[in-house]
Structure formats: structure tokens, C-alpha cells
Protein backbone atom coordinates (compact mmCIF):
# COMPACT_ATOMS: atom_id res chain seq x y z
CA MET A 1 14.35 38.37 3.24
CA ARG A 2 13.85 37.38 -0.37
CA ASN A 3 17.42 38.33 -1.28
CA VAL A 4 18.71 36.06 1.47
CA ARG A 5 16.74 33.12 0.07
CA VAL A 6 17.92 33.82 -3.47
CA ASN A 7 21.53 34.09 -2.30
CA ARG A 8 21.30 30.82 -0.39
CA ALA A 9 19.73 29.06 -3.37
CA MET A 10 22.45 30.37 -5.68
CA LEU A 11 25.17 29.25 -3.27
CA LEU A 12 23.60 25.81 -3.02
CA ILE A 13 23.39 25.45 -6.81
CA ALA A 14 26.96 26.66 -7.21
CA GLY A 15 28.16 24.17 -4.59
CA VAL A 16 26.36 21.30 -6.28
CA LEU A 17 27.76 22.25 -9.68
CA LEU A 18 31.30 22.64 -8.31
CA THR A 19 31.23 19.23 -6.66
CA ALA A 20 29.56 17.53 -9.63
CA ALA A 21 31.89 18.98 -12.29
CA PRO A 22 34.91 16.75 -11.51
CA ALA A 23 32.70 13.67 -11.42
CA LEU A 24 31.12 14.57 -14.74
CA ALA A 25 34.50 15.28 -16.34
CA ALA A 26 36.09 12.03 -15.14
CA GLU A 27 36.58 9.41 -17.80
CA GLY A 28 35.74 5.82 -17.11
CA GLY A 29 33.46 3.15 -18.44
CA SER A 30 30.85 4.00 -21.01
CA GLY A 31 30.33 7.45 -19.55
CA LYS A 32 26.56 7.25 -19.90
CA LYS A 33 24.96 5.35 -17.04
CA PRO A 34 21.43 5.95 -15.83
CA PHE A 35 21.25 7.54 -12.38
CA ILE A 36 19.37 4.55 -10.93
CA GLN A 37 22.15 2.23 -12.10
CA ILE A 38 24.77 4.38 -10.38
CA VAL A 39 22.73 4.21 -7.15
CA LYS A 40 22.28 0.43 -7.45
CA ASP A 41 25.99 -0.10 -8.07
CA GLY A 42 27.02 2.06 -5.11
CA ILE A 43 24.53 0.84 -2.53
CA GLU A 44 25.26 -2.01 -0.15
CA VAL A 45 22.88 -4.50 1.49
CA PRO A 46 22.53 -2.73 4.89
CA SER A 47 21.39 0.39 3.06
CA TYR A 48 18.36 -1.48 1.74
CA PHE A 49 17.28 -2.20 5.33
CA ILE A 50 17.77 1.45 6.32
CA ILE A 51 15.73 2.69 3.34
CA LEU A 52 12.98 0.12 3.95
CA GLY A 53 12.85 0.94 7.66
CA SER A 54 12.66 4.66 6.94
CA MET A 55 9.74 4.15 4.56
CA VAL A 56 7.90 2.04 7.14
CA VAL A 57 8.40 4.64 9.86
CA ILE A 58 7.18 7.45 7.60
CA ALA A 59 4.10 5.38 6.72
CA LEU A 60 3.37 4.73 10.40
CA ILE A 61 3.70 8.41 11.28
CA ALA A 62 1.40 9.44 8.42
CA GLU A 63 -1.12 6.77 9.39
CA HIS A 64 -1.06 7.94 13.01
CA PHE A 65 -1.72 11.57 12.08
CA LEU A 66 -4.58 10.55 9.80
CA MET A 67 -6.26 8.19 12.27
CA VAL A 68 -6.04 10.05 15.58
CA ARG A 69 -9.38 11.67 16.34
CA ARG A 70 -9.85 15.01 18.01
CA GLU A 71 -11.98 13.39 20.74
CA THR A 72 -9.07 11.13 21.62
CA ILE A 73 -6.74 14.06 22.18
CA ALA A 74 -9.22 16.30 24.01
CA PRO A 75 -12.59 14.85 25.07
CA LEU A 76 -15.66 16.80 23.99
CA ALA A 77 -16.65 17.59 27.59
CA GLN A 78 -13.42 19.49 28.07
CA THR A 79 -13.40 21.35 24.77
CA SER A 80 -17.01 22.59 24.62
CA GLY A 81 -18.82 24.93 26.96
CA PRO A 82 -17.55 27.63 29.28
CA ARG A 83 -14.03 27.50 30.61
CA SER A 84 -15.27 27.13 34.16
CA ARG A 85 -16.91 23.79 33.32
CA SER A 86 -13.73 22.42 31.83
CA SER A 87 -11.77 23.79 34.80
CA ARG A 88 -14.09 21.95 37.19
CA ALA A 89 -13.68 18.73 35.19
CA THR A 90 -9.92 19.13 35.30
CA SER A 91 -9.90 19.82 39.03
CA ALA A 92 -12.24 16.86 39.66
CA THR A 93 -9.92 14.60 37.70
CA ALA A 94 -6.92 15.94 39.60
CA SER A 95 -8.64 15.34 42.97
CA ARG A 96 -9.28 11.69 42.05
CA SER A 97 -5.57 11.04 41.59
């Protein structure tokens, strides 16, 4: 299992280096640009909205996981006590429907 992970990691690194080599060897401009400047030059306006929206969605998901309480998911009456009591509560709820 470990050899498989090491082989995959080596293949990934080799692929990255093989695709980056021509870009690094290409001549043009000053040749030394910070990475953030390359990203800023290559990004277009709609990408800003996509990045901002992704960050908002990730924040909402994290906030949801942190704020949901266990009692909200499974009420205490159903999670504590013998199984028969929770089974009766479930069947009583089902009979009301």
C-alpha cells in the first residue's frame, strides 16, 4: 500500500516538473515575476466572482457544521434509554402522520 502511494506521488511530481519545465525555460519579459503577479495577470473578472462565491460557500458549510447541535439532529428522548422506548416514540410519531 505504501509503495503505491510513493509511486503515485513520484508520478505526480514528475508530471508537474515535466509540464513546468517548458514554461520555466521560455524566454520573455523580465523572467522573474512573483507567482501572485502571474495569477493576477492571468485571471479575468468572472474568476473573482467564482473565487469569492467558493469562499462564501465554504464558510457557510463550516458554520453549519459548527452550529448544528446534536439535539437538533436526534432529540434526546430518542437517543437515550432503551431501544424499545425510542421504538415506541418512532411508532407513535409514524401513527400520527
